[in-house]
Amino acid sequence: MAQTLLEGTKLRIVFEAGMDEKGKQLYKANTFSNINNQATADQLYQAAQAITALTSDVLNKVERNDSSEILA
């Protein structure tokens, strides 16, 4: 039976960056590596809110990206 080994976690924060000339919403994102694998969703969201407070951009969404190795 295959198993997974969690290798790393990244936090991606997506901000609204205004509108283009056609009225389509633009986004920009910042990715933070070396996030503690044990961090909870609440902790990651609080960190994202603290980072957002340092910018003039509007928070759109917060993503957690885990990467795993699959072992056979």
PDB file of N, CA and C in Angstrom:
ATOM      1  N   MET A   1       0.840  -1.179   0.000  1.00  0.00           N
ATOM      2  CA  MET A   1       0.000   0.000   0.000  1.00  0.00           C
ATOM      3  C   MET A   1       0.887   1.245   0.000  1.00  0.00           C
ATOM      4  N   ALA A   2       0.575   2.190  -0.851  1.00  0.00           N
ATOM      5  CA  ALA A   2       1.349   3.433  -0.951  1.00  0.00           C
ATOM      6  C   ALA A   2       1.076   4.325   0.255  1.00  0.00           C
ATOM      7  N   GLN A   3       2.102   5.088   0.618  1.00  0.00           N
ATOM      8  CA  GLN A   3       1.995   6.035   1.726  1.00  0.00           C
ATOM      9  C   GLN A   3       2.481   7.402   1.240  1.00  0.00           C
ATOM     10  N   THR A   4       2.064   8.426   1.937  1.00  0.00           N
ATOM     11  CA  THR A   4       2.533   9.766   1.594  1.00  0.00           C
ATOM     12  C   THR A   4       3.413  10.311   2.709  1.00  0.00           C
ATOM     13  N   LEU A   5       4.401  11.078   2.306  1.00  0.00           N
ATOM     14  CA  LEU A   5       5.305  11.734   3.239  1.00  0.00           C
ATOM     15  C   LEU A   5       5.233  13.230   2.952  1.00  0.00           C
ATOM     16  N   LEU A   6       4.701  13.997   3.901  1.00  0.00           N
ATOM     17  CA  LEU A   6       4.554  15.437   3.739  1.00  0.00           C
ATOM     18  C   LEU A   6       5.939  16.075   3.699  1.00  0.00           C
ATOM     19  N   GLU A   7       6.233  16.759   2.586  1.00  0.00           N
ATOM     20  CA  GLU A   7       7.552  17.357   2.408  1.00  0.00           C
ATOM     21  C   GLU A   7       7.596  18.839   2.739  1.00  0.00           C
ATOM     22  N   GLY A   8       6.520  19.561   2.472  1.00  0.00           N
ATOM     23  CA  GLY A   8       6.551  20.993   2.733  1.00  0.00           C
ATOM     24  C   GLY A   8       5.191  21.640   2.618  1.00  0.00           C
ATOM     25  N   THR A   9       5.093  22.818   3.207  1.00  0.00           N
ATOM     26  CA  THR A   9       3.858  23.593   3.182  1.00  0.00           C
ATOM     27  C   THR A   9       4.188  25.024   2.779  1.00  0.00           C
ATOM     28  N   LYS A  10       3.332  25.595   1.922  1.00  0.00           N
ATOM     29  CA  LYS A  10       3.474  26.988   1.511  1.00  0.00           C
ATOM     30  C   LYS A  10       2.155  27.702   1.768  1.00  0.00           C
ATOM     31  N   LEU A  11       2.253  28.992   2.061  1.00  0.00           N
ATOM     32  CA  LEU A  11       1.089  29.855   2.263  1.00  0.00           C
ATOM     33  C   LEU A  11       1.030  30.812   1.082  1.00  0.00           C
ATOM     34  N   ARG A  12      -0.098  30.835   0.386  1.00  0.00           N
ATOM     35  CA  ARG A  12      -0.282  31.737  -0.761  1.00  0.00           C
ATOM     36  C   ARG A  12      -1.427  32.685  -0.439  1.00  0.00           C
ATOM     37  N   ILE A  13      -1.137  33.981  -0.520  1.00  0.00           N
ATOM     38  CA  ILE A  13      -2.128  35.008  -0.233  1.00  0.00           C
ATOM     39  C   ILE A  13      -2.426  35.733  -1.543  1.00  0.00           C
ATOM     40  N   VAL A  14      -3.695  35.761  -1.922  1.00  0.00           N
ATOM     41  CA  VAL A  14      -4.114  36.392  -3.172  1.00  0.00           C
ATOM     42  C   VAL A  14      -4.834  37.700  -2.839  1.00  0.00           C
ATOM     43  N   PHE A  15      -4.402  38.768  -3.520  1.00  0.00           N
ATOM     44  CA  PHE A  15      -4.963  40.099  -3.311  1.00  0.00           C
ATOM     45  C   PHE A  15      -5.667  40.580  -4.570  1.00  0.00           C
ATOM     46  N   GLU A  16      -6.675  41.417  -4.392  1.00  0.00           N
ATOM     47  CA  GLU A  16      -7.303  42.105  -5.517  1.00  0.00           C
ATOM     48  C   GLU A  16      -6.412  43.286  -5.877  1.00  0.00           C
ATOM     49  N   ALA A  17      -6.088  43.398  -7.169  1.00  0.00           N
ATOM     50  CA  ALA A  17      -5.147  44.431  -7.607  1.00  0.00           C
ATOM     51  C   ALA A  17      -5.795  45.433  -8.549  1.00  0.00           C
ATOM     52  N   GLY A  18      -7.100  45.583  -8.486  1.00  0.00           N
ATOM     53  CA  GLY A  18      -7.791  46.553  -9.320  1.00  0.00           C
ATOM     54  C   GLY A  18      -8.461  45.899 -10.518  1.00  0.00           C
ATOM     55  N   MET A  19      -8.803  46.737 -11.489  1.00  0.00           N
ATOM     56  CA  MET A  19      -9.513  46.277 -12.683  1.00  0.00           C
ATOM     57  C   MET A  19      -8.688  46.636 -13.916  1.00  0.00           C
ATOM     58  N   ASP A  20      -8.804  45.808 -14.961  1.00  0.00           N
ATOM     59  CA  ASP A  20      -8.162  46.153 -16.221  1.00  0.00           C
ATOM     60  C   ASP A  20      -9.094  47.044 -17.048  1.00  0.00           C
ATOM     61  N   GLU A  21      -8.650  47.422 -18.229  1.00  0.00           N
ATOM     62  CA  GLU A  21      -9.436  48.347 -19.049  1.00  0.00           C
ATOM     63  C   GLU A  21     -10.751  47.759 -19.536  1.00  0.00           C
ATOM     64  N   LYS A  22     -10.887  46.426 -19.485  1.00  0.00           N
ATOM     65  CA  LYS A  22     -12.124  45.764 -19.909  1.00  0.00           C
ATOM     66  C   LYS A  22     -13.066  45.490 -18.739  1.00  0.00           C
ATOM     67  N   GLY A  23     -12.679  45.913 -17.550  1.00  0.00           N
ATOM     68  CA  GLY A  23     -13.513  45.711 -16.375  1.00  0.00           C
ATOM     69  C   GLY A  23     -13.315  44.381 -15.687  1.00  0.00           C
ATOM     70  N   LYS A  24     -12.269  43.644 -16.071  1.00  0.00           N
ATOM     71  CA  LYS A  24     -11.984  42.342 -15.460  1.00  0.00           C
ATOM     72  C   LYS A  24     -11.113  42.535 -14.219  1.00  0.00           C
ATOM     73  N   GLN A  25     -11.453  41.805 -13.155  1.00  0.00           N
ATOM     74  CA  GLN A  25     -10.712  41.900 -11.890  1.00  0.00           C
ATOM     75  C   GLN A  25      -9.295  41.369 -12.074  1.00  0.00           C
ATOM     76  N   LEU A  26      -8.307  42.101 -11.562  1.00  0.00           N
ATOM     77  CA  LEU A  26      -6.917  41.670 -11.572  1.00  0.00           C
ATOM     78  C   LEU A  26      -6.522  41.202 -10.183  1.00  0.00           C
ATOM     79  N   TYR A  27      -5.630  40.225 -10.131  1.00  0.00           N
ATOM     80  CA  TYR A  27      -5.171  39.665  -8.864  1.00  0.00           C
ATOM     81  C   TYR A  27      -3.653  39.629  -8.840  1.00  0.00           C
ATOM     82  N   LYS A  28      -3.094  39.665  -7.643  1.00  0.00           N
ATOM     83  CA  LYS A  28      -1.679  39.409  -7.455  1.00  0.00           C
ATOM     84  C   LYS A  28      -1.542  38.537  -6.220  1.00  0.00           C
ATOM     85  N   ALA A  29      -0.461  37.768  -6.179  1.00  0.00           N
ATOM     86  CA  ALA A  29      -0.310  36.806  -5.089  1.00  0.00           C
ATOM     87  C   ALA A  29       1.108  36.844  -4.535  1.00  0.00           C
ATOM     88  N   ASN A  30       1.218  36.550  -3.251  1.00  0.00           N
ATOM     89  CA  ASN A  30       2.498  36.357  -2.579  1.00  0.00           C
ATOM     90  C   ASN A  30       2.507  34.953  -2.008  1.00  0.00           C
ATOM     91  N   THR A  31       3.619  34.263  -2.175  1.00  0.00           N
ATOM     92  CA  THR A  31       3.761  32.907  -1.647  1.00  0.00           C
ATOM     93  C   THR A  31       4.876  32.894  -0.615  1.00  0.00           C
ATOM     94  N   PHE A  32       4.604  32.281   0.519  1.00  0.00           N
ATOM     95  CA  PHE A  32       5.570  32.172   1.607  1.00  0.00           C
ATOM     96  C   PHE A  32       5.907  30.695   1.808  1.00  0.00           C
ATOM     97  N   SER A  33       7.196  30.379   1.739  1.00  0.00           N
ATOM     98  CA  SER A  33       7.655  28.996   1.888  1.00  0.00           C
ATOM     99  C   SER A  33       8.057  28.726   3.333  1.00  0.00           C
ATOM    100  N   ASN A  34       8.412  27.489   3.595  1.00  0.00           N
ATOM    101  CA  ASN A  34       8.899  27.054   4.908  1.00  0.00           C
ATOM    102  C   ASN A  34       7.882  27.284   6.013  1.00  0.00           C
ATOM    103  N   ILE A  35       6.612  27.049   5.708  1.00  0.00           N
ATOM    104  CA  ILE A  35       5.543  27.166   6.698  1.00  0.00           C
ATOM    105  C   ILE A  35       5.533  25.884   7.532  1.00  0.00           C
ATOM    106  N   ASN A  36       5.304  26.025   8.817  1.00  0.00           N
ATOM    107  CA  ASN A  36       5.242  24.871   9.711  1.00  0.00           C
ATOM    108  C   ASN A  36       4.129  23.923   9.255  1.00  0.00           C
ATOM    109  N   ASN A  37       4.467  22.656   9.050  1.00  0.00           N
ATOM    110  CA  ASN A  37       3.499  21.653   8.596  1.00  0.00           C
ATOM    111  C   ASN A  37       2.347  21.465   9.577  1.00  0.00           C
ATOM    112  N   GLN A  38       2.563  21.801  10.833  1.00  0.00           N
ATOM    113  CA  GLN A  38       1.553  21.600  11.870  1.00  0.00           C
ATOM    114  C   GLN A  38       0.614  22.798  12.021  1.00  0.00           C
ATOM    115  N   ALA A  39       0.836  23.855  11.253  1.00  0.00           N
ATOM    116  CA  ALA A  39       0.004  25.056  11.366  1.00  0.00           C
ATOM    117  C   ALA A  39      -1.446  24.734  11.006  1.00  0.00           C
ATOM    118  N   THR A  40      -2.369  25.259  11.793  1.00  0.00           N
ATOM    119  CA  THR A  40      -3.795  25.034  11.540  1.00  0.00           C
ATOM    120  C   THR A  40      -4.312  26.070  10.539  1.00  0.00           C
ATOM    121  N   ALA A  41      -5.504  25.837  10.034  1.00  0.00           N
ATOM    122  CA  ALA A  41      -6.132  26.777   9.110  1.00  0.00           C
ATOM    123  C   ALA A  41      -6.333  28.137   9.786  1.00  0.00           C
ATOM    124  N   ASP A  42      -6.731  28.137  11.042  1.00  0.00           N
ATOM    125  CA  ASP A  42      -6.917  29.394  11.778  1.00  0.00           C
ATOM    126  C   ASP A  42      -5.609  30.165  11.897  1.00  0.00           C
ATOM    127  N   GLN A  43      -4.524  29.464  12.199  1.00  0.00           N
ATOM    128  CA  GLN A  43      -3.225  30.117  12.333  1.00  0.00           C
ATOM    129  C   GLN A  43      -2.762  30.715  11.006  1.00  0.00           C
ATOM    130  N   LEU A  44      -2.958  29.991   9.928  1.00  0.00           N
ATOM    131  CA  LEU A  44      -2.568  30.496   8.611  1.00  0.00           C
ATOM    132  C   LEU A  44      -3.409  31.708   8.220  1.00  0.00           C
ATOM    133  N   TYR A  45      -4.693  31.667   8.525  1.00  0.00           N
ATOM    134  CA  TYR A  45      -5.570  32.794   8.206  1.00  0.00           C
ATOM    135  C   TYR A  45      -5.184  34.033   9.017  1.00  0.00           C
ATOM    136  N   GLN A  46      -4.850  33.842  10.296  1.00  0.00           N
ATOM    137  CA  GLN A  46      -4.416  34.961  11.127  1.00  0.00           C
ATOM    138  C   GLN A  46      -3.125  35.570  10.594  1.00  0.00           C
ATOM    139  N   ALA A  47      -2.204  34.729  10.151  1.00  0.00           N
ATOM    140  CA  ALA A  47      -0.953  35.224   9.567  1.00  0.00           C
ATOM    141  C   ALA A  47      -1.240  36.019   8.301  1.00  0.00           C
ATOM    142  N   ALA A  48      -2.151  35.517   7.471  1.00  0.00           N
ATOM    143  CA  ALA A  48      -2.516  36.212   6.240  1.00  0.00           C
ATOM    144  C   ALA A  48      -3.151  37.567   6.546  1.00  0.00           C
ATOM    145  N   GLN A  49      -3.993  37.629   7.562  1.00  0.00           N
ATOM    146  CA  GLN A  49      -4.613  38.905   7.947  1.00  0.00           C
ATOM    147  C   GLN A  49      -3.568  39.898   8.441  1.00  0.00           C
ATOM    148  N   ALA A  50      -2.581  39.407   9.185  1.00  0.00           N
ATOM    149  CA  ALA A  50      -1.520  40.288   9.683  1.00  0.00           C
ATOM    150  C   ALA A  50      -0.692  40.838   8.522  1.00  0.00           C
ATOM    151  N   ILE A  51      -0.406  40.006   7.536  1.00  0.00           N
ATOM    152  CA  ILE A  51       0.347  40.453   6.363  1.00  0.00           C
ATOM    153  C   ILE A  51      -0.487  41.440   5.557  1.00  0.00           C
ATOM    154  N   THR A  52      -1.773  41.163   5.399  1.00  0.00           N
ATOM    155  CA  THR A  52      -2.669  42.041   4.652  1.00  0.00           C
ATOM    156  C   THR A  52      -2.760  43.422   5.301  1.00  0.00           C
ATOM    157  N   ALA A  53      -2.688  43.481   6.612  1.00  0.00           N
ATOM    158  CA  ALA A  53      -2.751  44.760   7.324  1.00  0.00           C
ATOM    159  C   ALA A  53      -1.577  45.663   6.957  1.00  0.00           C
ATOM    160  N   LEU A  54      -0.489  45.085   6.441  1.00  0.00           N
ATOM    161  CA  LEU A  54       0.693  45.859   6.062  1.00  0.00           C
ATOM    162  C   LEU A  54       0.619  46.388   4.630  1.00  0.00           C
ATOM    163  N   THR A  55      -0.430  46.014   3.907  1.00  0.00           N
ATOM    164  CA  THR A  55      -0.574  46.440   2.511  1.00  0.00           C
ATOM    165  C   THR A  55      -1.818  47.297   2.350  1.00  0.00           C
ATOM    166  N   SER A  56      -1.940  47.894   1.191  1.00  0.00           N
ATOM    167  CA  SER A  56      -3.155  48.656   0.888  1.00  0.00           C
ATOM    168  C   SER A  56      -4.100  47.828   0.012  1.00  0.00           C
ATOM    169  N   ASP A  57      -3.729  46.566  -0.254  1.00  0.00           N
ATOM    170  CA  ASP A  57      -4.526  45.700  -1.113  1.00  0.00           C
ATOM    171  C   ASP A  57      -5.622  44.988  -0.328  1.00  0.00           C
ATOM    172  N   VAL A  58      -6.647  44.545  -1.054  1.00  0.00           N
ATOM    173  CA  VAL A  58      -7.770  43.834  -0.454  1.00  0.00           C
ATOM    174  C   VAL A  58      -7.509  42.336  -0.555  1.00  0.00           C
ATOM    175  N   LEU A  59      -7.658  41.637   0.555  1.00  0.00           N
ATOM    176  CA  LEU A  59      -7.471  40.190   0.583  1.00  0.00           C
ATOM    177  C   LEU A  59      -8.585  39.513  -0.194  1.00  0.00           C
ATOM    178  N   ASN A  60      -8.210  38.609  -1.113  1.00  0.00           N
ATOM    179  CA  ASN A  60      -9.187  37.868  -1.898  1.00  0.00           C
ATOM    180  C   ASN A  60      -9.326  36.454  -1.359  1.00  0.00           C
ATOM    181  N   LYS A  61      -8.196  35.762  -1.172  1.00  0.00           N
ATOM    182  CA  LYS A  61      -8.259  34.412  -0.616  1.00  0.00           C
ATOM    183  C   LYS A  61      -6.908  34.000  -0.070  1.00  0.00           C
ATOM    184  N   VAL A  62      -6.951  32.978   0.788  1.00  0.00           N
ATOM    185  CA  VAL A  62      -5.757  32.418   1.405  1.00  0.00           C
ATOM    186  C   VAL A  62      -5.706  30.942   1.029  1.00  0.00           C
ATOM    187  N   GLU A  63      -4.550  30.494   0.554  1.00  0.00           N
ATOM    188  CA  GLU A  63      -4.403  29.100   0.149  1.00  0.00           C
ATOM    189  C   GLU A  63      -3.274  28.436   0.921  1.00  0.00           C
ATOM    190  N   ARG A  64      -3.475  27.172   1.232  1.00  0.00           N
ATOM    191  CA  ARG A  64      -2.438  26.343   1.820  1.00  0.00           C
ATOM    192  C   ARG A  64      -2.063  25.313   0.766  1.00  0.00           C
ATOM    193  N   ASN A  65      -0.773  25.242   0.436  1.00  0.00           N
ATOM    194  CA  ASN A  65      -0.292  24.295  -0.563  1.00  0.00           C
ATOM    195  C   ASN A  65       0.685  23.327   0.099  1.00  0.00           C
ATOM    196  N   ASP A  66       0.262  22.079   0.252  1.00  0.00           N
ATOM    197  CA  ASP A  66       1.109  21.028   0.803  1.00  0.00           C
ATOM    198  C   ASP A  66       1.666  20.196  -0.340  1.00  0.00           C
ATOM    199  N   SER A  67       2.926  19.826  -0.229  1.00  0.00           N
ATOM    200  CA  SER A  67       3.507  18.913  -1.216  1.00  0.00           C
ATOM    201  C   SER A  67       3.931  17.643  -0.485  1.00  0.00           C
ATOM    202  N   SER A  68       3.654  16.532  -1.123  1.00  0.00           N
ATOM    203  CA  SER A  68       3.927  15.229  -0.515  1.00  0.00           C
ATOM    204  C   SER A  68       4.634  14.328  -1.506  1.00  0.00           C
ATOM    205  N   GLU A  69       5.435  13.430  -0.969  1.00  0.00           N
ATOM    206  CA  GLU A  69       6.059  12.391  -1.773  1.00  0.00           C
ATOM    207  C   GLU A  69       5.243  11.119  -1.544  1.00  0.00           C
ATOM    208  N   ILE A  70       4.958  10.401  -2.630  1.00  0.00           N
ATOM    209  CA  ILE A  70       4.218   9.143  -2.507  1.00  0.00           C
ATOM    210  C   ILE A  70       5.208   8.003  -2.551  1.00  0.00           C
ATOM    211  N   LEU A  71       5.185   7.215  -1.499  1.00  0.00           N
ATOM    212  CA  LEU A  71       6.111   6.090  -1.364  1.00  0.00           C
ATOM    213  C   LEU A  71       5.369   4.784  -1.592  1.00  0.00           C
ATOM    214  N   ALA A  72       5.986   3.904  -2.351  1.00  0.00           N
ATOM    215  CA  ALA A  72       5.364   2.604  -2.600  1.00  0.00           C
ATOM    216  C   ALA A  72       5.858   1.560  -1.630  1.00  0.00           C
TER     217      ALA A  72
END
